[in-house]
Amino acid sequence: MKHKKSYSLNARRMTTREEAHAHLKERLKLPDWYGRNLDALHDCLNEIGEPTRIVLHFAARLDHLPDGYGAKLLRVLRQAAEENPNIKLSLYNRI
């Protein structure tokens, strides 16, 4: 499947929950109604209706988010890629 859209995320820019959601909103071009939480992220990702590649660089850096939030965020991204056949998720774990 050829991906019509491609988005690049940088986990180094996600050092807090707020920064993570601001980065996701900006880079994924999420709608204004995006609630800046994991449920809203899941909903937005599941609405993607065309072949889309999401690349997360420095994914291992998400481990630095407090309270295991990085692991939860990564789980949402992976789950969306499993549920939505239009999403291809690529992770690069360089630190």
PDB file of N, CA and C in Angstrom:
ATOM      1  N   MET A   1       0.840  -1.168   0.000  1.00  0.00           N
ATOM      2  CA  MET A   1       0.000   0.000   0.000  1.00  0.00           C
ATOM      3  C   MET A   1       0.889   1.236   0.000  1.00  0.00           C
ATOM      4  N   LYS A   2       0.636   2.137  -0.925  1.00  0.00           N
ATOM      5  CA  LYS A   2       1.375   3.392  -0.983  1.00  0.00           C
ATOM      6  C   LYS A   2       0.704   4.389  -0.040  1.00  0.00           C
ATOM      7  N   HIS A   3       1.505   5.049   0.758  1.00  0.00           N
ATOM      8  CA  HIS A   3       0.986   5.990   1.739  1.00  0.00           C
ATOM      9  C   HIS A   3       0.867   7.379   1.127  1.00  0.00           C
ATOM     10  N   LYS A   4      -0.368   7.889   1.142  1.00  0.00           N
ATOM     11  CA  LYS A   4      -0.603   9.216   0.587  1.00  0.00           C
ATOM     12  C   LYS A   4      -0.040  10.297   1.496  1.00  0.00           C
ATOM     13  N   LYS A   5      -0.108  10.056   2.800  1.00  0.00           N
ATOM     14  CA  LYS A   5       0.373  11.036   3.764  1.00  0.00           C
ATOM     15  C   LYS A   5       1.444  10.395   4.626  1.00  0.00           C
ATOM     16  N   SER A   6       2.354  11.222   5.083  1.00  0.00           N
ATOM     17  CA  SER A   6       3.396  10.765   5.986  1.00  0.00           C
ATOM     18  C   SER A   6       3.632  11.842   7.030  1.00  0.00           C
ATOM     19  N   TYR A   7       3.654  11.430   8.289  1.00  0.00           N
ATOM     20  CA  TYR A   7       3.868  12.359   9.388  1.00  0.00           C
ATOM     21  C   TYR A   7       5.066  11.904  10.199  1.00  0.00           C
ATOM     22  N   SER A   8       5.893  12.839  10.592  1.00  0.00           N
ATOM     23  CA  SER A   8       7.081  12.549  11.373  1.00  0.00           C
ATOM     24  C   SER A   8       6.932  13.152  12.765  1.00  0.00           C
ATOM     25  N   LEU A   9       7.086  12.308  13.781  1.00  0.00           N
ATOM     26  CA  LEU A   9       7.017  12.746  15.168  1.00  0.00           C
ATOM     27  C   LEU A   9       8.395  12.628  15.800  1.00  0.00           C
ATOM     28  N   ASN A  10       8.700  13.495  16.744  1.00  0.00           N
ATOM     29  CA  ASN A  10       9.982  13.491  17.419  1.00  0.00           C
ATOM     30  C   ASN A  10       9.743  13.393  18.926  1.00  0.00           C
ATOM     31  N   ALA A  11      10.015  12.228  19.501  1.00  0.00           N
ATOM     32  CA  ALA A  11       9.770  12.022  20.928  1.00  0.00           C
ATOM     33  C   ALA A  11      10.625  12.936  21.802  1.00  0.00           C
ATOM     34  N   ARG A  12      11.723  13.472  21.277  1.00  0.00           N
ATOM     35  CA  ARG A  12      12.535  14.415  22.059  1.00  0.00           C
ATOM     36  C   ARG A  12      11.772  15.700  22.349  1.00  0.00           C
ATOM     37  N   ARG A  13      10.730  15.957  21.583  1.00  0.00           N
ATOM     38  CA  ARG A  13       9.904  17.163  21.807  1.00  0.00           C
ATOM     39  C   ARG A  13       8.722  16.871  22.717  1.00  0.00           C
ATOM     40  N   MET A  14       8.665  15.657  23.275  1.00  0.00           N
ATOM     41  CA  MET A  14       7.549  15.244  24.123  1.00  0.00           C
ATOM     42  C   MET A  14       8.058  14.944  25.532  1.00  0.00           C
ATOM     43  N   THR A  15       8.435  15.973  26.268  1.00  0.00           N
ATOM     44  CA  THR A  15       9.002  15.758  27.597  1.00  0.00           C
ATOM     45  C   THR A  15       7.969  15.854  28.715  1.00  0.00           C
ATOM     46  N   THR A  16       6.790  16.366  28.405  1.00  0.00           N
ATOM     47  CA  THR A  16       5.665  16.404  29.347  1.00  0.00           C
ATOM     48  C   THR A  16       4.414  15.982  28.581  1.00  0.00           C
ATOM     49  N   ARG A  17       3.358  15.689  29.307  1.00  0.00           N
ATOM     50  CA  ARG A  17       2.084  15.354  28.639  1.00  0.00           C
ATOM     51  C   ARG A  17       1.640  16.495  27.735  1.00  0.00           C
ATOM     52  N   GLU A  18       1.731  17.708  28.267  1.00  0.00           N
ATOM     53  CA  GLU A  18       1.272  18.875  27.517  1.00  0.00           C
ATOM     54  C   GLU A  18       2.077  19.044  26.226  1.00  0.00           C
ATOM     55  N   GLU A  19       3.403  18.925  26.338  1.00  0.00           N
ATOM     56  CA  GLU A  19       4.252  19.050  25.153  1.00  0.00           C
ATOM     57  C   GLU A  19       3.982  17.926  24.167  1.00  0.00           C
ATOM     58  N   ALA A  20       3.745  16.722  24.687  1.00  0.00           N
ATOM     59  CA  ALA A  20       3.464  15.581  23.811  1.00  0.00           C
ATOM     60  C   ALA A  20       2.211  15.842  22.988  1.00  0.00           C
ATOM     61  N   HIS A  21       1.156  16.288  23.645  1.00  0.00           N
ATOM     62  CA  HIS A  21      -0.100  16.505  22.919  1.00  0.00           C
ATOM     63  C   HIS A  21      -0.022  17.717  21.994  1.00  0.00           C
ATOM     64  N   ALA A  22       0.726  18.727  22.381  1.00  0.00           N
ATOM     65  CA  ALA A  22       0.913  19.877  21.490  1.00  0.00           C
ATOM     66  C   ALA A  22       1.670  19.437  20.231  1.00  0.00           C
ATOM     67  N   HIS A  23       2.701  18.622  20.417  1.00  0.00           N
ATOM     68  CA  HIS A  23       3.489  18.122  19.276  1.00  0.00           C
ATOM     69  C   HIS A  23       2.623  17.229  18.379  1.00  0.00           C
ATOM     70  N   LEU A  24       1.859  16.338  18.987  1.00  0.00           N
ATOM     71  CA  LEU A  24       0.982  15.454  18.210  1.00  0.00           C
ATOM     72  C   LEU A  24      -0.036  16.264  17.419  1.00  0.00           C
ATOM     73  N   LYS A  25      -0.645  17.262  18.064  1.00  0.00           N
ATOM     74  CA  LYS A  25      -1.655  18.081  17.379  1.00  0.00           C
ATOM     75  C   LYS A  25      -1.049  18.798  16.187  1.00  0.00           C
ATOM     76  N   GLU A  26       0.136  19.373  16.391  1.00  0.00           N
ATOM     77  CA  GLU A  26       0.798  20.118  15.319  1.00  0.00           C
ATOM     78  C   GLU A  26       1.238  19.194  14.186  1.00  0.00           C
ATOM     79  N   ARG A  27       1.964  18.142  14.506  1.00  0.00           N
ATOM     80  CA  ARG A  27       2.573  17.295  13.487  1.00  0.00           C
ATOM     81  C   ARG A  27       1.564  16.414  12.756  1.00  0.00           C
ATOM     82  N   LEU A  28       0.528  15.938  13.469  1.00  0.00           N
ATOM     83  CA  LEU A  28      -0.479  15.081  12.835  1.00  0.00           C
ATOM     84  C   LEU A  28      -1.633  15.900  12.263  1.00  0.00           C
ATOM     85  N   LYS A  29      -1.545  17.214  12.435  1.00  0.00           N
ATOM     86  CA  LYS A  29      -2.601  18.113  11.942  1.00  0.00           C
ATOM     87  C   LYS A  29      -3.977  17.688  12.468  1.00  0.00           C
ATOM     88  N   LEU A  30      -4.036  17.495  13.793  1.00  0.00           N
ATOM     89  CA  LEU A  30      -5.274  17.057  14.427  1.00  0.00           C
ATOM     90  C   LEU A  30      -6.271  18.210  14.468  1.00  0.00           C
ATOM     91  N   PRO A  31      -7.556  17.885  14.489  1.00  0.00           N
ATOM     92  CA  PRO A  31      -8.599  18.930  14.430  1.00  0.00           C
ATOM     93  C   PRO A  31      -8.648  19.779  15.702  1.00  0.00           C
ATOM     94  N   ASP A  32      -9.310  20.913  15.603  1.00  0.00           N
ATOM     95  CA  ASP A  32      -9.429  21.821  16.740  1.00  0.00           C
ATOM     96  C   ASP A  32     -10.109  21.167  17.939  1.00  0.00           C
ATOM     97  N   TRP A  33     -11.005  20.212  17.685  1.00  0.00           N
ATOM     98  CA  TRP A  33     -11.720  19.569  18.793  1.00  0.00           C
ATOM     99  C   TRP A  33     -10.869  18.529  19.522  1.00  0.00           C
ATOM    100  N   TYR A  34      -9.643  18.295  19.050  1.00  0.00           N
ATOM    101  CA  TYR A  34      -8.758  17.338  19.702  1.00  0.00           C
ATOM    102  C   TYR A  34      -8.593  17.706  21.174  1.00  0.00           C
ATOM    103  N   GLY A  35      -8.934  16.780  22.045  1.00  0.00           N
ATOM    104  CA  GLY A  35      -8.966  17.040  23.483  1.00  0.00           C
ATOM    105  C   GLY A  35      -7.641  16.945  24.214  1.00  0.00           C
ATOM    106  N   ARG A  36      -6.549  16.721  23.485  1.00  0.00           N
ATOM    107  CA  ARG A  36      -5.220  16.638  24.088  1.00  0.00           C
ATOM    108  C   ARG A  36      -5.148  15.613  25.208  1.00  0.00           C
ATOM    109  N   ASN A  37      -5.704  14.432  24.934  1.00  0.00           N
ATOM    110  CA  ASN A  37      -5.593  13.303  25.842  1.00  0.00           C
ATOM    111  C   ASN A  37      -5.555  12.028  25.003  1.00  0.00           C
ATOM    112  N   LEU A  38      -5.278  10.902  25.634  1.00  0.00           N
ATOM    113  CA  LEU A  38      -5.079   9.663  24.884  1.00  0.00           C
ATOM    114  C   LEU A  38      -6.353   9.156  24.227  1.00  0.00           C
ATOM    115  N   ASP A  39      -7.497   9.337  24.871  1.00  0.00           N
ATOM    116  CA  ASP A  39      -8.759   8.915  24.258  1.00  0.00           C
ATOM    117  C   ASP A  39      -9.037   9.709  22.985  1.00  0.00           C
ATOM    118  N   ALA A  40      -8.818  11.014  23.047  1.00  0.00           N
ATOM    119  CA  ALA A  40      -9.036  11.858  21.871  1.00  0.00           C
ATOM    120  C   ALA A  40      -8.047  11.506  20.763  1.00  0.00           C
ATOM    121  N   LEU A  41      -6.799  11.205  21.142  1.00  0.00           N
ATOM    122  CA  LEU A  41      -5.803  10.794  20.147  1.00  0.00           C
ATOM    123  C   LEU A  41      -6.247   9.524  19.455  1.00  0.00           C
ATOM    124  N   HIS A  42      -6.707   8.562  20.232  1.00  0.00           N
ATOM    125  CA  HIS A  42      -7.187   7.294  19.671  1.00  0.00           C
ATOM    126  C   HIS A  42      -8.329   7.544  18.690  1.00  0.00           C
ATOM    127  N   ASP A  43      -9.276   8.382  19.089  1.00  0.00           N
ATOM    128  CA  ASP A  43     -10.413   8.701  18.213  1.00  0.00           C
ATOM    129  C   ASP A  43      -9.948   9.338  16.913  1.00  0.00           C
ATOM    130  N   CYS A  44      -9.035  10.301  16.998  1.00  0.00           N
ATOM    131  CA  CYS A  44      -8.546  10.991  15.799  1.00  0.00           C
ATOM    132  C   CYS A  44      -7.812  10.028  14.866  1.00  0.00           C
ATOM    133  N   LEU A  45      -6.978   9.174  15.430  1.00  0.00           N
ATOM    134  CA  LEU A  45      -6.231   8.227  14.606  1.00  0.00           C
ATOM    135  C   LEU A  45      -7.154   7.235  13.919  1.00  0.00           C
ATOM    136  N   ASN A  46      -8.196   6.827  14.598  1.00  0.00           N
ATOM    137  CA  ASN A  46      -9.125   5.874  13.987  1.00  0.00           C
ATOM    138  C   ASN A  46      -9.979   6.503  12.893  1.00  0.00           C
ATOM    139  N   GLU A  47      -9.989   7.830  12.816  1.00  0.00           N
ATOM    140  CA  GLU A  47     -10.732   8.508  11.756  1.00  0.00           C
ATOM    141  C   GLU A  47      -9.920   8.683  10.479  1.00  0.00           C
ATOM    142  N   ILE A  48      -8.645   8.341  10.510  1.00  0.00           N
ATOM    143  CA  ILE A  48      -7.811   8.478   9.313  1.00  0.00           C
ATOM    144  C   ILE A  48      -8.343   7.536   8.246  1.00  0.00           C
ATOM    145  N   GLY A  49      -8.709   8.105   7.103  1.00  0.00           N
ATOM    146  CA  GLY A  49      -9.371   7.327   6.073  1.00  0.00           C
ATOM    147  C   GLY A  49      -8.571   7.099   4.807  1.00  0.00           C
ATOM    148  N   GLU A  50      -7.297   7.473   4.823  1.00  0.00           N
ATOM    149  CA  GLU A  50      -6.455   7.235   3.652  1.00  0.00           C
ATOM    150  C   GLU A  50      -5.104   6.694   4.122  1.00  0.00           C
ATOM    151  N   PRO A  51      -4.402   5.993   3.256  1.00  0.00           N
ATOM    152  CA  PRO A  51      -3.122   5.406   3.651  1.00  0.00           C
ATOM    153  C   PRO A  51      -2.163   6.463   4.210  1.00  0.00           C
ATOM    154  N   THR A  52      -1.741   6.251   5.449  1.00  0.00           N
ATOM    155  CA  THR A  52      -0.946   7.232   6.168  1.00  0.00           C
ATOM    156  C   THR A  52       0.172   6.535   6.927  1.00  0.00           C
ATOM    157  N   ARG A  53       1.365   7.089   6.802  1.00  0.00           N
ATOM    158  CA  ARG A  53       2.509   6.568   7.547  1.00  0.00           C
ATOM    159  C   ARG A  53       2.834   7.541   8.664  1.00  0.00           C
ATOM    160  N   ILE A  54       2.979   7.014   9.875  1.00  0.00           N
ATOM    161  CA  ILE A  54       3.392   7.808  11.026  1.00  0.00           C
ATOM    162  C   ILE A  54       4.738   7.271  11.487  1.00  0.00           C
ATOM    163  N   VAL A  55       5.733   8.144  11.493  1.00  0.00           N
ATOM    164  CA  VAL A  55       7.089   7.766  11.900  1.00  0.00           C
ATOM    165  C   VAL A  55       7.388   8.454  13.222  1.00  0.00           C
ATOM    166  N   LEU A  56       7.737   7.670  14.226  1.00  0.00           N
ATOM    167  CA  LEU A  56       8.104   8.216  15.530  1.00  0.00           C
ATOM    168  C   LEU A  56       9.601   8.034  15.731  1.00  0.00           C
ATOM    169  N   HIS A  57      10.315   9.147  15.721  1.00  0.00           N
ATOM    170  CA  HIS A  57      11.762   9.129  15.928  1.00  0.00           C
ATOM    171  C   HIS A  57      12.071   9.234  17.421  1.00  0.00           C
ATOM    172  N   PHE A  58      13.137   8.578  17.841  1.00  0.00           N
ATOM    173  CA  PHE A  58      13.585   8.602  19.233  1.00  0.00           C
ATOM    174  C   PHE A  58      12.512   8.077  20.179  1.00  0.00           C
ATOM    175  N   ALA A  59      11.798   7.041  19.754  1.00  0.00           N
ATOM    176  CA  ALA A  59      10.675   6.487  20.516  1.00  0.00           C
ATOM    177  C   ALA A  59      11.063   6.113  21.935  1.00  0.00           C
ATOM    178  N   ALA A  60      12.293   5.660  22.153  1.00  0.00           N
ATOM    179  CA  ALA A  60      12.731   5.267  23.494  1.00  0.00           C
ATOM    180  C   ALA A  60      12.686   6.438  24.474  1.00  0.00           C
ATOM    181  N   ARG A  61      12.720   7.655  23.974  1.00  0.00           N
ATOM    182  CA  ARG A  61      12.661   8.830  24.843  1.00  0.00           C
ATOM    183  C   ARG A  61      11.312   8.970  25.542  1.00  0.00           C
ATOM    184  N   LEU A  62      10.288   8.314  25.018  1.00  0.00           N
ATOM    185  CA  LEU A  62       8.981   8.376  25.678  1.00  0.00           C
ATOM    186  C   LEU A  62       9.028   7.777  27.075  1.00  0.00           C
ATOM    187  N   ASP A  63      10.025   6.933  27.333  1.00  0.00           N
ATOM    188  CA  ASP A  63      10.179   6.348  28.665  1.00  0.00           C
ATOM    189  C   ASP A  63      10.423   7.420  29.726  1.00  0.00           C
ATOM    190  N   HIS A  64      10.846   8.604  29.314  1.00  0.00           N
ATOM    191  CA  HIS A  64      11.153   9.677  30.254  1.00  0.00           C
ATOM    192  C   HIS A  64       9.905  10.430  30.714  1.00  0.00           C
ATOM    193  N   LEU A  65       8.779  10.190  30.076  1.00  0.00           N
ATOM    194  CA  LEU A  65       7.555  10.869  30.513  1.00  0.00           C
ATOM    195  C   LEU A  65       7.129  10.313  31.869  1.00  0.00           C
ATOM    196  N   PRO A  66       6.676  11.171  32.778  1.00  0.00           N
ATOM    197  CA  PRO A  66       6.308  10.716  34.118  1.00  0.00           C
ATOM    198  C   PRO A  66       5.096   9.785  34.132  1.00  0.00           C
ATOM    199  N   ASP A  67       5.043   8.976  35.164  1.00  0.00           N
ATOM    200  CA  ASP A  67       3.891   8.105  35.448  1.00  0.00           C
ATOM    201  C   ASP A  67       3.586   7.113  34.336  1.00  0.00           C
ATOM    202  N   GLY A  68       4.595   6.705  33.593  1.00  0.00           N
ATOM    203  CA  GLY A  68       4.377   5.719  32.539  1.00  0.00           C
ATOM    204  C   GLY A  68       3.563   6.237  31.370  1.00  0.00           C
ATOM    205  N   TYR A  69       3.430   7.559  31.256  1.00  0.00           N
ATOM    206  CA  TYR A  69       2.595   8.139  30.198  1.00  0.00           C
ATOM    207  C   TYR A  69       3.135   7.833  28.807  1.00  0.00           C
ATOM    208  N   GLY A  70       4.442   7.763  28.684  1.00  0.00           N
ATOM    209  CA  GLY A  70       5.039   7.453  27.386  1.00  0.00           C
ATOM    210  C   GLY A  70       4.639   6.080  26.893  1.00  0.00           C
ATOM    211  N   ALA A  71       4.636   5.092  27.789  1.00  0.00           N
ATOM    212  CA  ALA A  71       4.222   3.738  27.418  1.00  0.00           C
ATOM    213  C   ALA A  71       2.748   3.719  27.015  1.00  0.00           C
ATOM    214  N   LYS A  72       1.935   4.491  27.719  1.00  0.00           N
ATOM    215  CA  LYS A  72       0.509   4.571  27.380  1.00  0.00           C
ATOM    216  C   LYS A  72       0.318   5.222  26.008  1.00  0.00           C
ATOM    217  N   LEU A  73       1.075   6.276  25.748  1.00  0.00           N
ATOM    218  CA  LEU A  73       1.010   6.960  24.457  1.00  0.00           C
ATOM    219  C   LEU A  73       1.420   6.019  23.323  1.00  0.00           C
ATOM    220  N   LEU A  74       2.500   5.309  23.538  1.00  0.00           N
ATOM    221  CA  LEU A  74       2.973   4.357  22.535  1.00  0.00           C
ATOM    222  C   LEU A  74       1.948   3.254  22.304  1.00  0.00           C
ATOM    223  N   ARG A  75       1.298   2.818  23.368  1.00  0.00           N
ATOM    224  CA  ARG A  75       0.253   1.790  23.252  1.00  0.00           C
ATOM    225  C   ARG A  75      -0.907   2.292  22.384  1.00  0.00           C
ATOM    226  N   VAL A  76      -1.296   3.549  22.557  1.00  0.00           N
ATOM    227  CA  VAL A  76      -2.374   4.129  21.749  1.00  0.00           C
ATOM    228  C   VAL A  76      -1.970   4.176  20.273  1.00  0.00           C
ATOM    229  N   LEU A  77      -0.742   4.594  20.002  1.00  0.00           N
ATOM    230  CA  LEU A  77      -0.276   4.631  18.613  1.00  0.00           C
ATOM    231  C   LEU A  77      -0.277   3.240  17.992  1.00  0.00           C
ATOM    232  N   ARG A  78       0.238   2.262  18.730  1.00  0.00           N
ATOM    233  CA  ARG A  78       0.275   0.890  18.209  1.00  0.00           C
ATOM    234  C   ARG A  78      -1.124   0.325  18.014  1.00  0.00           C
ATOM    235  N   GLN A  79      -1.994   0.583  18.974  1.00  0.00           N
ATOM    236  CA  GLN A  79      -3.370   0.078  18.883  1.00  0.00           C
ATOM    237  C   GLN A  79      -4.091   0.679  17.680  1.00  0.00           C
ATOM    238  N   ALA A  80      -3.904   1.961  17.454  1.00  0.00           N
ATOM    239  CA  ALA A  80      -4.535   2.608  16.300  1.00  0.00           C
ATOM    240  C   ALA A  80      -4.028   2.001  15.003  1.00  0.00           C
ATOM    241  N   ALA A  81      -2.721   1.707  14.937  1.00  0.00           N
ATOM    242  CA  ALA A  81      -2.153   1.099  13.730  1.00  0.00           C
ATOM    243  C   ALA A  81      -2.689  -0.313  13.510  1.00  0.00           C
ATOM    244  N   GLU A  82      -2.987  -1.017  14.602  1.00  0.00           N
ATOM    245  CA  GLU A  82      -3.570  -2.359  14.481  1.00  0.00           C
ATOM    246  C   GLU A  82      -5.030  -2.298  14.056  1.00  0.00           C
ATOM    247  N   GLU A  83      -5.762  -1.331  14.581  1.00  0.00           N
ATOM    248  CA  GLU A  83      -7.194  -1.222  14.323  1.00  0.00           C
ATOM    249  C   GLU A  83      -7.516  -0.570  12.984  1.00  0.00           C
ATOM    250  N   ASN A  84      -6.711   0.386  12.582  1.00  0.00           N
ATOM    251  CA  ASN A  84      -6.985   1.131  11.364  1.00  0.00           C
ATOM    252  C   ASN A  84      -6.014   0.674  10.275  1.00  0.00           C
ATOM    253  N   PRO A  85      -6.513  -0.027   9.257  1.00  0.00           N
ATOM    254  CA  PRO A  85      -5.630  -0.531   8.206  1.00  0.00           C
ATOM    255  C   PRO A  85      -4.967   0.572   7.376  1.00  0.00           C
ATOM    256  N   ASN A  86      -5.415   1.807   7.531  1.00  0.00           N
ATOM    257  CA  ASN A  86      -4.820   2.918   6.796  1.00  0.00           C
ATOM    258  C   ASN A  86      -3.543   3.443   7.437  1.00  0.00           C
ATOM    259  N   ILE A  87      -3.253   3.028   8.670  1.00  0.00           N
ATOM    260  CA  ILE A  87      -2.092   3.551   9.390  1.00  0.00           C
ATOM    261  C   ILE A  87      -0.957   2.545   9.389  1.00  0.00           C
ATOM    262  N   LYS A  88       0.226   3.032   9.022  1.00  0.00           N
ATOM    263  CA  LYS A  88       1.461   2.270   9.143  1.00  0.00           C
ATOM    264  C   LYS A  88       2.333   3.043  10.125  1.00  0.00           C
ATOM    265  N   LEU A  89       2.653   2.417  11.247  1.00  0.00           N
ATOM    266  CA  LEU A  89       3.474   3.052  12.288  1.00  0.00           C
ATOM    267  C   LEU A  89       4.891   2.518  12.209  1.00  0.00           C
ATOM    268  N   SER A  90       5.853   3.428  12.155  1.00  0.00           N
ATOM    269  CA  SER A  90       7.272   3.053  12.166  1.00  0.00           C
ATOM    270  C   SER A  90       7.937   3.723  13.366  1.00  0.00           C
ATOM    271  N   LEU A  91       8.658   2.933  14.146  1.00  0.00           N
ATOM    272  CA  LEU A  91       9.334   3.440  15.329  1.00  0.00           C
ATOM    273  C   LEU A  91      10.840   3.361  15.136  1.00  0.00           C
ATOM    274  N   TYR A  92      11.511   4.421  15.515  1.00  0.00           N
ATOM    275  CA  TYR A  92      12.977   4.443  15.486  1.00  0.00           C
ATOM    276  C   TYR A  92      13.425   4.792  16.901  1.00  0.00           C
ATOM    277  N   ASN A  93      14.213   3.919  17.508  1.00  0.00           N
ATOM    278  CA  ASN A  93      14.513   4.029  18.939  1.00  0.00           C
ATOM    279  C   ASN A  93      15.856   4.633  19.276  1.00  0.00           C
ATOM    280  N   ARG A  94      16.482   5.304  18.374  1.00  0.00           N
ATOM    281  CA  ARG A  94      17.729   5.970  18.740  1.00  0.00           C
ATOM    282  C   ARG A  94      17.456   6.975  19.843  1.00  0.00           C
ATOM    283  N   ILE A  95      18.408   7.124  20.729  1.00  0.00           N
ATOM    284  CA  ILE A  95      18.228   8.064  21.845  1.00  0.00           C
ATOM    285  C   ILE A  95      18.988   9.332  21.571  1.00  0.00           C
TER     286      ILE A  95
END
